[in-house]
Every structure is written in structure tokens, then in C-alpha cells.
């Protein structure tokens, strides 16, 4: 069980880092840019990762 939470924490940290990078690169349009990219992703796992980044953008 501890491994699960550690993996989730690491995924959240990665999402937050990617969100900061997008915010730095695209400024206020970062969330819209992320939403556009999500629509173009076919792979469900990758799309889920980008949804995590999009949620992190709302909090950063």
C-alpha cells in the first residue's frame, strides 16, 4: 500500500513540474494549450498524465 502512495506522490510531483514548465513557456494560455494537446492524444495513459498536468496548472 505504501508503494501505491509513493507512486501517486511521484506522479503528482512530475505533473506539477510539467505544469510549471508549461506556465513558464505559454503564460496564461498554458491551460488552453494543455487542453488542446489532450484532445490530440490517442493513448489513454498519456492522456491521463496530461489531465494530471492540466489539474496541476489550476493550482500553480
C-alpha atoms as a PDB file:
ATOM      1  CA  UNK A   1       0.000   0.000   0.000  1.00  0.00           C
ATOM      2  CA  UNK A   2       2.833   2.360   0.795  1.00  0.00           C
ATOM      3  CA  UNK A   3       4.243   1.803  -2.718  1.00  0.00           C
ATOM      4  CA  UNK A   4       0.939   2.966  -4.193  1.00  0.00           C
ATOM      5  CA  UNK A   5       1.023   6.274  -2.314  1.00  0.00           C
ATOM      6  CA  UNK A   6       4.676   6.815  -3.121  1.00  0.00           C
ATOM      7  CA  UNK A   7       3.972   6.285  -6.839  1.00  0.00           C
ATOM      8  CA  UNK A   8       0.995   8.676  -6.648  1.00  0.00           C
ATOM      9  CA  UNK A   9       3.114  11.317  -4.915  1.00  0.00           C
ATOM     10  CA  UNK A  10       5.836  10.993  -7.536  1.00  0.00           C
ATOM     11  CA  UNK A  11       3.248  11.284 -10.332  1.00  0.00           C
ATOM     12  CA  UNK A  12       1.823  14.420  -8.714  1.00  0.00           C
ATOM     13  CA  UNK A  13       5.289  15.943  -8.419  1.00  0.00           C
ATOM     14  CA  UNK A  14       6.003  15.189 -12.090  1.00  0.00           C
ATOM     15  CA  UNK A  15       2.674  16.734 -13.108  1.00  0.00           C
ATOM     16  CA  UNK A  16       3.389  19.846 -11.078  1.00  0.00           C
ATOM     17  CA  UNK A  17       6.841  20.238 -12.635  1.00  0.00           C
ATOM     18  CA  UNK A  18       5.388  19.863 -16.137  1.00  0.00           C
ATOM     19  CA  UNK A  19       2.645  22.361 -15.265  1.00  0.00           C
ATOM     20  CA  UNK A  20       5.231  24.914 -14.112  1.00  0.00           C
ATOM     21  CA  UNK A  21       7.206  24.420 -17.321  1.00  0.00           C
ATOM     22  CA  UNK A  22       4.063  24.927 -19.431  1.00  0.00           C
ATOM     23  CA  UNK A  23       3.101  28.003 -17.419  1.00  0.00           C
ATOM     24  CA  UNK A  24       6.607  29.439 -17.921  1.00  0.00           C
ATOM     25  CA  UNK A  25       6.519  28.715 -21.640  1.00  0.00           C
ATOM     26  CA  UNK A  26       2.943  29.675 -22.531  1.00  0.00           C
ATOM     27  CA  UNK A  27       1.912  32.014 -19.707  1.00  0.00           C
ATOM     28  CA  UNK A  28      -1.828  32.450 -19.181  1.00  0.00           C
ATOM     29  CA  UNK A  29      -2.614  30.307 -22.242  1.00  0.00           C
ATOM     30  CA  UNK A  30      -0.926  27.234 -20.734  1.00  0.00           C
ATOM     31  CA  UNK A  31      -4.148  25.525 -19.635  1.00  0.00           C
ATOM     32  CA  UNK A  32      -5.759  26.032 -23.052  1.00  0.00           C
ATOM     33  CA  UNK A  33      -2.620  24.693 -24.734  1.00  0.00           C
ATOM     34  CA  UNK A  34      -2.727  21.637 -22.463  1.00  0.00           C
ATOM     35  CA  UNK A  35      -6.423  21.072 -23.271  1.00  0.00           C
ATOM     36  CA  UNK A  36      -5.635  21.212 -26.999  1.00  0.00           C
ATOM     37  CA  UNK A  37      -2.881  18.666 -26.575  1.00  0.00           C
ATOM     38  CA  UNK A  38      -5.139  16.336 -24.556  1.00  0.00           C
ATOM     39  CA  UNK A  39      -7.648  16.257 -27.415  1.00  0.00           C
ATOM     40  CA  UNK A  40      -4.912  15.160 -29.817  1.00  0.00           C
ATOM     41  CA  UNK A  41      -3.623  12.261 -27.665  1.00  0.00           C
ATOM     42  CA  UNK A  42      -4.926   8.807 -28.556  1.00  0.00           C
ATOM     43  CA  UNK A  43      -3.136   6.828 -25.811  1.00  0.00           C
ATOM     44  CA  UNK A  44      -5.334   6.705 -22.669  1.00  0.00           C
ATOM     45  CA  UNK A  45      -2.403   6.521 -20.226  1.00  0.00           C
ATOM     46  CA  UNK A  46      -0.685   9.525 -21.779  1.00  0.00           C
ATOM     47  CA  UNK A  47      -3.973  11.431 -21.883  1.00  0.00           C
ATOM     48  CA  UNK A  48      -4.485  10.689 -18.180  1.00  0.00           C
ATOM     49  CA  UNK A  49      -0.984  12.032 -17.439  1.00  0.00           C
ATOM     50  CA  UNK A  50      -1.796  15.237 -19.313  1.00  0.00           C
ATOM     51  CA  UNK A  51      -5.065  15.560 -17.364  1.00  0.00           C
ATOM     52  CA  UNK A  52      -2.936  15.461 -14.202  1.00  0.00           C
ATOM     53  CA  UNK A  53      -0.807  18.263 -15.640  1.00  0.00           C
ATOM     54  CA  UNK A  54      -3.917  20.247 -16.526  1.00  0.00           C
ATOM     55  CA  UNK A  55      -5.218  19.897 -12.966  1.00  0.00           C
ATOM     56  CA  UNK A  56      -1.815  20.968 -11.622  1.00  0.00           C
ATOM     57  CA  UNK A  57      -1.992  24.062 -13.844  1.00  0.00           C
ATOM     58  CA  UNK A  58      -5.100  25.141 -11.998  1.00  0.00           C
ATOM     59  CA  UNK A  59      -3.195  25.042  -8.700  1.00  0.00           C
ATOM     60  CA  UNK A  60       0.114  26.571  -9.775  1.00  0.00           C
END
